[in-house]
Protein backbone atom coordinates (compact mmCIF):
# COMPACT_ATOMS: atom_id res chain seq x y z
CA MET A 1 191.46 -111.21 30.34
CA SER A 2 193.74 -113.66 32.16
CA PRO A 3 196.14 -115.90 30.13
CA SER A 4 194.29 -119.05 31.19
CA ALA A 5 190.96 -117.62 30.08
CA LEU A 6 192.52 -116.50 26.81
CA ILE A 7 193.88 -119.99 26.12
CA LYS A 8 190.55 -121.58 27.03
CA GLU A 9 188.67 -119.25 24.71
CA LEU A 10 191.15 -119.87 21.91
CA PHE A 11 190.67 -123.64 22.05
CA GLN A 12 186.91 -123.19 22.17
CA ASN A 13 187.06 -121.12 19.00
CA LEU A 14 189.34 -123.65 17.32
CA ASN A 15 187.01 -126.48 18.32
CA GLN A 16 183.99 -124.71 16.85
CA GLN A 17 185.62 -124.55 13.43
CA ARG A 18 187.61 -127.77 13.42
CA LEU A 19 188.25 -128.13 9.69
CA ARG A 20 189.21 -124.49 9.26
CA SER A 21 191.43 -124.62 12.32
CA PHE A 22 193.08 -127.87 11.23
CA LEU A 23 193.89 -126.54 7.77
CA THR A 24 195.32 -123.34 9.23
CA ILE A 25 197.51 -125.14 11.76
CA PHE A 26 198.51 -127.71 9.12
CA GLY A 27 199.76 -124.91 6.86
CA ILE A 28 202.05 -123.59 9.61
CA MET A 29 203.11 -127.11 10.57
CA TRP A 30 204.00 -128.10 7.00
CA GLY A 31 205.76 -124.80 6.32
CA THR A 32 207.87 -125.15 9.48
CA ALA A 33 208.81 -128.75 8.70
CA THR A 34 209.71 -127.81 5.11
CA LEU A 35 211.86 -124.89 6.24
CA ILE A 36 213.74 -127.05 8.76
CA LEU A 37 214.26 -129.87 6.27
CA LEU A 38 215.55 -127.58 3.52
CA LEU A 39 217.94 -125.75 5.86
CA ALA A 40 219.15 -129.05 7.36
CA PHE A 41 219.92 -130.36 3.86
CA GLY A 42 221.73 -127.14 3.01
CA MET A 43 223.90 -127.43 6.12
CA GLY A 44 224.64 -131.09 5.45
CA PHE A 45 225.55 -130.41 1.81
CA ARG A 46 227.89 -127.60 2.85
CA ASP A 47 229.65 -129.72 5.48
CA GLN A 48 230.01 -132.66 3.07
CA THR A 49 231.56 -130.43 0.41
CA VAL A 50 234.00 -129.03 2.97
CA LEU A 51 234.82 -132.57 4.12
CA ASN A 52 235.45 -133.65 0.54
CA MET A 53 237.77 -130.71 -0.02
CA ARG A 54 239.67 -131.44 3.19
CA GLY A 55 240.84 -134.66 1.57
CA MET A 56 243.18 -132.49 -0.50
CA GLY A 57 244.36 -130.54 2.53
CA ASP A 58 243.44 -127.47 4.52
CA GLN A 59 243.98 -124.21 2.65
CA ILE A 60 247.05 -125.32 0.72
CA ALA A 61 248.51 -124.13 -2.56
CA ILE A 62 250.35 -126.44 -4.98
CA MET A 63 253.01 -124.99 -7.29
CA PHE A 64 253.95 -126.73 -10.53
CA GLY A 65 256.75 -125.97 -12.91
CA GLY A 66 255.67 -124.32 -16.14
CA GLN A 67 257.18 -122.83 -19.28
CA THR A 68 258.09 -119.24 -20.02
CA THR A 69 256.02 -117.39 -22.59
CA LYS A 70 257.80 -114.03 -22.39
CA PRO A 71 261.44 -113.13 -23.15
CA PHE A 72 263.38 -111.90 -20.11
CA GLU A 73 266.94 -110.59 -19.65
CA GLY A 74 268.18 -112.25 -22.82
CA TYR A 75 266.35 -115.54 -22.26
CA GLY A 76 263.89 -116.64 -24.92
CA ILE A 77 260.41 -118.11 -24.59
CA GLY A 78 259.61 -121.80 -24.15
CA ARG A 79 262.16 -122.31 -21.40
CA PRO A 80 261.01 -124.88 -18.77
CA VAL A 81 261.00 -123.84 -15.11
CA ARG A 82 262.00 -126.70 -12.80
CA TYR A 83 262.16 -126.63 -9.01
CA ARG A 84 264.68 -128.05 -6.58
CA GLU A 85 264.23 -128.74 -2.89
CA ALA A 86 266.00 -125.50 -1.93
CA ASP A 87 263.27 -123.49 -3.69
CA ALA A 88 260.76 -124.44 -1.00
CA GLN A 89 263.07 -123.10 1.71
CA ILE A 90 263.62 -119.89 -0.30
CA LEU A 91 259.86 -119.29 -0.39
CA GLU A 92 259.51 -119.90 3.32
CA ASP A 93 262.45 -117.58 4.13
CA GLN A 94 261.62 -114.71 1.78
CA ILE A 95 257.81 -114.56 2.03
CA PRO A 96 256.81 -113.95 5.68
CA ASN A 97 253.13 -114.72 5.00
CA ILE A 98 253.94 -118.29 3.97
CA ASP A 99 253.58 -120.50 7.03
CA VAL A 100 255.03 -123.75 5.65
CA ALA A 101 256.53 -124.68 2.28
CA THR A 102 257.62 -128.22 1.45
CA PRO A 103 258.86 -129.98 -1.72
CA GLU A 104 257.33 -133.10 -3.20
CA TYR A 105 258.79 -135.67 -5.59
CA SER A 106 256.41 -137.89 -7.52
CA ARG A 107 256.75 -140.66 -10.06
CA SER A 108 254.61 -143.56 -11.26
CA LEU A 109 256.33 -146.78 -10.11
CA VAL A 110 255.41 -150.43 -9.69
CA VAL A 111 254.69 -151.38 -6.06
CA SER A 112 254.48 -155.14 -5.58
CA ASN A 113 254.04 -157.84 -2.98
CA GLY A 114 254.88 -161.18 -4.54
CA GLU A 115 252.65 -161.65 -7.55
CA LYS A 116 250.40 -158.73 -6.63
CA ARG A 117 251.50 -155.45 -8.11
CA ARG A 118 250.11 -152.03 -8.86
CA ASN A 119 251.28 -148.97 -10.75
CA SER A 120 251.22 -146.27 -8.13
CA SER A 121 252.22 -142.63 -7.84
CA VAL A 122 255.06 -142.81 -5.30
CA GLY A 123 255.76 -139.53 -3.53
CA GLY A 124 259.00 -138.48 -1.93
CA VAL A 125 257.97 -136.17 0.90
CA TYR A 126 258.95 -134.57 4.20
CA PRO A 127 257.25 -135.34 7.56
CA VAL A 128 255.30 -132.02 7.48
CA TYR A 129 253.45 -133.31 4.40
CA GLN A 130 251.14 -135.34 6.64
CA GLU A 131 249.58 -132.28 8.26
CA LEU A 132 249.32 -130.33 5.02
CA ARG A 133 247.54 -133.10 3.11
CA ASN A 134 245.65 -134.78 5.98
CA VAL A 135 247.34 -138.13 5.38
CA PHE A 136 246.96 -139.91 8.72
CA GLN A 137 247.91 -143.43 9.73
CA GLN A 138 245.71 -146.27 10.88
CA PRO A 139 246.28 -147.63 14.42
CA GLY A 140 249.40 -149.79 14.63
CA GLY A 141 251.38 -147.86 12.05
CA ARG A 142 253.21 -144.56 11.81
CA TRP A 143 254.06 -141.78 9.39
CA LEU A 144 257.50 -140.80 8.10
CA ASN A 145 259.78 -139.06 10.60
CA GLN A 146 262.97 -137.01 10.53
CA ARG A 147 265.23 -140.01 11.17
CA ASP A 148 263.79 -141.74 8.10
CA LEU A 149 264.78 -138.64 6.15
CA ASP A 150 268.24 -138.18 7.70
CA GLU A 151 269.22 -141.85 7.29
CA ARG A 152 267.57 -142.27 3.88
CA ARG A 153 265.67 -145.26 5.14
CA ARG A 154 263.83 -147.51 2.71
CA VAL A 155 260.49 -147.23 4.46
CA ILE A 156 257.13 -146.72 2.81
CA PHE A 157 253.66 -145.52 3.82
CA LEU A 158 250.81 -147.03 1.79
CA GLY A 159 247.43 -145.63 0.79
CA ASN A 160 244.61 -147.77 2.17
CA LYS A 161 243.37 -148.98 -1.24
CA LEU A 162 246.89 -149.74 -2.44
CA ALA A 163 247.53 -151.76 0.74
CA GLU A 164 244.26 -153.64 0.21
CA ASN A 165 245.12 -154.42 -3.41
CA ILE A 166 248.56 -155.90 -2.73
CA PHE A 167 248.03 -157.36 0.77
CA GLY A 168 244.33 -158.21 0.86
CA ASP A 169 243.16 -158.72 4.44
CA GLU A 170 246.70 -159.10 5.82
CA ASP A 171 248.28 -156.45 8.03
CA PRO A 172 251.00 -154.80 5.87
CA VAL A 173 252.85 -153.03 8.71
CA GLY A 174 256.31 -154.55 9.13
CA ARG A 175 256.09 -156.40 5.81
CA GLN A 176 258.20 -155.67 2.76
CA VAL A 177 257.14 -154.47 -0.67
CA MET A 178 259.19 -153.95 -3.80
CA VAL A 179 259.29 -150.51 -5.39
CA SER A 180 260.82 -150.90 -8.84
CA ASN A 181 262.75 -153.95 -7.58
CA THR A 182 263.98 -152.12 -4.45
CA PRO A 183 262.77 -153.53 -1.09
CA PHE A 184 260.93 -151.17 1.27
CA THR A 185 259.49 -151.85 4.73
CA VAL A 186 255.87 -150.80 5.28
CA ILE A 187 255.59 -148.52 8.34
CA GLY A 188 251.94 -147.51 8.07
CA VAL A 189 248.68 -147.48 6.14
CA MET A 190 246.56 -144.41 5.57
CA GLN A 191 243.23 -143.97 7.29
CA GLU A 192 240.34 -143.97 4.86
CA LYS A 193 239.35 -140.45 3.86
CA ILE A 194 237.04 -138.76 1.38
CA GLN A 195 238.92 -137.02 -1.42
CA ASN A 196 237.10 -135.65 -4.45
CA SER A 197 240.10 -134.06 -6.16
CA SER A 198 243.84 -134.57 -6.59
CA TYR A 199 246.74 -133.33 -8.68
CA ASN A 200 248.10 -136.75 -9.69
CA GLN A 201 246.31 -139.69 -8.04
CA ARG A 202 244.02 -140.23 -5.07
CA ASP A 203 246.00 -140.66 -1.86
CA GLN A 204 244.30 -144.00 -1.22
CA ASP A 205 246.15 -145.40 -4.26
CA ARG A 206 249.48 -143.71 -3.59
CA ALA A 207 252.59 -144.55 -1.57
CA PHE A 208 254.98 -142.21 0.24
CA ILE A 209 258.69 -142.55 1.02
CA PRO A 210 261.26 -140.12 2.50
CA ALA A 211 262.26 -137.35 0.07
CA SER A 212 265.95 -138.08 0.63
CA THR A 213 265.43 -141.76 -0.21
CA PHE A 214 263.50 -140.84 -3.36
CA SER A 215 266.22 -138.40 -4.50
CA ALA A 216 269.01 -140.95 -3.97
CA MET A 217 267.03 -143.78 -5.57
CA MET A 218 266.08 -141.77 -8.69
CA GLY A 219 269.36 -139.83 -8.88
CA THR A 220 267.72 -136.40 -9.11
CA ASP A 221 267.04 -133.36 -6.98
CA ILE A 222 264.44 -131.92 -9.36
CA ILE A 223 261.10 -132.01 -7.59
CA ASN A 224 257.64 -132.17 -9.11
CA ASN A 225 255.91 -129.51 -7.07
CA ILE A 226 255.98 -127.39 -3.92
CA LEU A 227 253.17 -127.17 -1.37
CA TYR A 228 252.72 -124.12 0.83
CA THR A 229 250.17 -122.75 3.26
CA PRO A 230 249.50 -119.07 4.02
CA THR A 231 249.49 -117.63 7.54
CA ASP A 232 246.19 -116.00 6.62
CA PRO A 233 243.96 -117.35 3.79
CA ALA A 234 242.84 -113.79 3.06
CA LEU A 235 246.39 -113.04 1.85
CA ALA A 236 246.36 -115.83 -0.77
CA GLN A 237 246.41 -113.53 -3.81
CA SER A 238 249.12 -111.30 -2.33
CA ILE A 239 251.23 -114.36 -1.60
CA GLN A 240 250.84 -115.61 -5.18
CA ASP A 241 252.18 -112.29 -6.48
CA GLN A 242 255.16 -112.58 -4.13
CA VAL A 243 255.79 -116.17 -5.25
CA TYR A 244 256.10 -115.01 -8.87
CA GLU A 245 258.49 -112.24 -7.76
CA VAL A 246 260.73 -114.56 -5.71
CA MET A 247 260.74 -117.45 -8.19
CA GLY A 248 261.15 -115.06 -11.14
CA LYS A 249 264.30 -113.67 -9.55
CA LYS A 250 265.59 -117.18 -8.75
CA HIS A 251 264.83 -118.80 -12.13
CA ARG A 252 265.21 -115.74 -14.36
CA PHE A 253 261.75 -115.18 -15.77
CA ASP A 254 259.36 -112.24 -15.93
CA PRO A 255 257.18 -112.16 -12.74
CA ALA A 256 254.28 -111.14 -14.96
CA ASP A 257 254.64 -114.40 -16.93
CA LYS A 258 251.91 -116.44 -15.27
CA ASP A 259 252.60 -119.51 -17.43
CA ALA A 260 256.08 -119.89 -15.94
CA ILE A 261 254.55 -121.22 -12.73
CA GLY A 262 251.31 -123.11 -12.30
CA ILE A 263 249.61 -122.49 -8.93
CA TRP A 264 246.54 -124.33 -7.73
CA ASP A 265 245.46 -122.39 -4.66
CA THR A 266 242.68 -124.17 -2.80
CA ASN A 267 242.08 -120.98 -0.77
CA GLU A 268 240.33 -119.57 -3.83
CA PHE A 269 237.98 -122.54 -3.76
CA TRP A 270 237.27 -122.02 -0.05
CA SER A 271 236.26 -118.42 -0.78
CA PHE A 272 234.02 -119.67 -3.60
CA ILE A 273 232.51 -122.33 -1.31
CA ASN A 274 231.54 -119.71 1.29
CA VAL A 275 229.81 -117.53 -1.30
CA MET A 276 228.21 -120.49 -3.08
CA PHE A 277 226.68 -121.99 0.05
CA LEU A 278 225.54 -118.61 1.31
CA GLY A 279 223.55 -118.42 -1.93
CA ILE A 280 222.36 -122.06 -1.79
CA ASN A 281 221.22 -121.88 1.83
CA GLY A 282 219.66 -118.50 1.20
CA PHE A 283 217.71 -119.93 -1.75
CA LEU A 284 216.57 -122.98 0.24
CA GLY A 285 215.61 -120.75 3.14
CA LEU A 286 213.63 -118.51 0.77
CA ILE A 287 211.68 -121.52 -0.53
CA GLY A 288 210.92 -122.56 3.04
CA PHE A 289 209.96 -118.99 3.92
CA PHE A 290 207.44 -118.75 1.09
CA THR A 291 205.99 -122.13 2.05
CA LEU A 292 205.61 -120.88 5.61
CA ALA A 293 204.21 -117.56 4.38
CA VAL A 294 201.32 -119.45 2.75
CA GLY A 295 200.48 -120.83 6.18
CA GLY A 296 200.77 -117.30 7.58
CA ILE A 297 198.19 -116.08 5.07
CA GLY A 298 195.87 -118.82 6.31
CA VAL A 299 196.37 -117.64 9.90
CA ALA A 300 195.64 -114.03 8.89
CA ASN A 301 192.43 -115.15 7.15
CA ILE A 302 191.19 -117.11 10.13
CA MET A 303 191.96 -114.19 12.45
CA PHE A 304 189.96 -111.83 10.23
CA VAL A 305 187.03 -114.26 10.48
CA VAL A 306 187.48 -114.47 14.26
CA VAL A 307 187.41 -110.66 14.51
CA GLN A 308 184.19 -110.59 12.48
CA GLU A 309 182.59 -113.29 14.66
CA ARG A 310 183.57 -111.62 17.95
CA MET A 311 182.60 -108.04 17.19
CA LYS A 312 180.01 -107.96 19.98
CA GLU A 313 182.57 -109.24 22.49
CA ILE A 314 185.03 -106.58 21.32
CA GLY A 315 182.35 -103.89 21.70
CA ILE A 316 181.52 -105.01 25.27
CA ARG A 317 185.20 -105.06 26.25
CA ARG A 318 185.74 -101.57 24.81
CA ALA A 319 182.58 -100.29 26.52
CA THR A 320 183.75 -101.63 29.89
CA GLY A 321 187.10 -99.85 29.70
CA ALA A 322 189.42 -101.97 27.53
CA ARG A 323 191.79 -99.83 25.49
CA ARG A 324 192.72 -100.39 21.87
CA HIS A 325 196.14 -101.82 22.70
CA HIS A 326 194.46 -104.38 25.00
CA ILE A 327 192.40 -105.61 22.05
CA MET A 328 195.50 -105.69 19.80
CA ILE A 329 197.49 -107.66 22.37
CA GLN A 330 194.67 -110.18 22.77
CA PHE A 331 194.44 -110.94 19.06
CA PHE A 332 198.24 -110.93 18.67
CA LEU A 333 198.48 -113.53 21.43
CA GLU A 334 195.81 -115.67 19.79
CA THR A 335 197.69 -115.45 16.48
CA PHE A 336 200.95 -116.52 18.09
CA MET A 337 199.20 -119.36 19.93
CA ILE A 338 197.89 -120.76 16.64
CA ILE A 339 201.33 -120.40 15.07
CA GLY A 340 202.93 -121.90 18.18
CA ILE A 341 200.76 -125.01 17.95
CA GLY A 342 201.56 -125.49 14.26
CA ALA A 343 205.25 -124.63 14.74
CA SER A 344 205.67 -127.12 17.59
CA ALA A 345 204.23 -129.90 15.48
CA GLY A 346 206.34 -128.71 12.51
CA TYR A 347 209.54 -128.72 14.57
CA LEU A 348 208.80 -132.28 15.68
CA ILE A 349 207.99 -133.50 12.15
CA GLY A 350 211.04 -131.72 10.72
CA TRP A 351 213.32 -133.28 13.33
CA VAL A 352 211.86 -136.75 12.67
CA LEU A 353 212.34 -136.35 8.90
CA VAL A 354 215.93 -135.21 9.38
CA GLU A 355 216.65 -138.23 11.60
CA LEU A 356 215.06 -140.60 9.08
CA MET A 357 217.38 -139.30 6.36
CA GLN A 358 220.63 -139.95 8.23
CA ASP A 359 221.35 -143.05 6.14
CA ILE A 360 220.44 -141.85 2.66
CA PRO A 361 222.47 -143.79 0.06
CA ILE A 362 223.92 -140.69 -1.65
CA LYS A 363 225.18 -138.90 1.45
CA GLU A 364 228.78 -139.06 0.13
CA PHE A 365 227.65 -136.49 -2.47
CA VAL A 366 224.89 -134.41 -0.85
CA GLY A 367 225.87 -134.94 2.78
CA THR A 368 223.76 -135.84 5.78
CA PRO A 369 221.11 -133.31 6.86
CA TYR A 370 221.25 -132.37 10.51
CA PHE A 371 219.20 -130.26 12.89
CA SER A 372 221.63 -127.64 14.18
CA PRO A 373 220.98 -124.73 16.57
CA GLU A 374 221.53 -122.46 13.59
CA VAL A 375 218.66 -124.14 11.73
CA GLY A 376 216.42 -123.87 14.78
CA LEU A 377 217.15 -120.17 15.27
CA ILE A 378 216.52 -119.33 11.61
CA ALA A 379 213.21 -121.20 11.71
CA PHE A 380 212.26 -119.40 14.94
CA ALA A 381 213.08 -116.00 13.42
CA VAL A 382 211.02 -116.74 10.30
CA LEU A 383 208.10 -117.92 12.43
CA GLY A 384 208.29 -114.74 14.49
CA PHE A 385 208.17 -112.62 11.35
CA VAL A 386 205.26 -114.62 9.91
CA GLY A 387 203.42 -114.28 13.24
CA LEU A 388 203.84 -110.51 13.28
CA ALA A 389 202.87 -110.17 9.62
CA SER A 390 199.79 -112.38 9.85
CA GLY A 391 198.60 -111.02 13.21
CA PHE A 392 199.07 -107.30 12.73
CA LEU A 393 196.24 -106.44 10.31
CA PRO A 394 193.52 -108.52 12.07
CA ALA A 395 194.60 -107.16 15.48
CA TRP A 396 194.76 -103.60 14.16
CA ARG A 397 191.30 -103.93 12.59
CA ALA A 398 189.86 -105.35 15.82
CA SER A 399 191.28 -102.46 17.85
CA ARG A 400 189.87 -99.87 15.43
CA LEU A 401 186.27 -101.14 15.36
CA ASP A 402 183.60 -98.66 16.34
CA VAL A 403 182.14 -99.56 19.76
CA VAL A 404 178.55 -98.65 18.85
CA GLU A 405 178.67 -100.67 15.63
CA CYS A 406 180.05 -103.65 17.55
CA LEU A 407 177.27 -103.52 20.16
CA ARG A 408 174.61 -103.53 17.44
CA LYS A 409 175.76 -106.95 16.21
């Protein structure tokens, strides 16, 4: 039978049983749309979570000073461990798998512009801090540079919310603010970014000045924390062990004393995120699969009915020379045509629903669903499996019918 004749006969059969055909195709259509929508939401939620985490920085670790809890080489317990700027360079020099290590000062200070003032966490940092923490400037401003550091300039970079609070709608760049009664020139304002976690205050409410200026102004070289990034995130745990070894030797504490140093390694969270969203997307995909499987059962049922109704036709075709695999192929093709009609409508409905949900009011938390090639391929693979599963038994039964019994019908 030619493809055109097969298609014509299929539509004739569908037209004869309109309600049955509609319900069968609707099941595939709804299952496909549900699968696409669930997977699109899963992808959007994953990307939003990653975006939120990037507000902290990409695969960074933050080291904090702690307190010893084990005696070591004559030193007692309860001894505070405090870092200095040189410690960051020691880590970078002695641990090859650390890509960048940089110190950070931090203190809560009053930042004011005339009568407007805010208590803000002011950080004393190096230029490399920008790339580690994704703190980027708005057009018209700039970030701290090496000359600011070398010359101990009194320049300041403001978080976007802090700038809004003390300057309103005015452009702060080039203006002066007072930091604990010391004048600083504003060189830039941070671009707005999503940040769902921090280790002191959200960057939008913070201010940043050169580390050398901070040290001279506060009269201290004791830093608050050290940031570092690994050359390979997979080595995060190994690097942590080496950090305890190097810092233990430098500050005289037992490397096994994990309370002597506090390390917040975001690489551990990234590993957790990958596993978590593999599970979430797998669960959502499973729900969509079962929804689509219900439609597949409907297709299998209608194909069993079609086989029963066309037994005489099958007998005539077998009697005139058609082989069993010809009969199987015919009914397989009809099954996939029915699924193709429902799937095409389901793809269209799913895409429309995804587009309609681009402006949902809670997208900052659950993300924006999107129709990606990955979603389309998964849906196609599931549809292929459902088509094979729902078409095999009816096609196999049709090919195994006895010719004589068919001709008697």
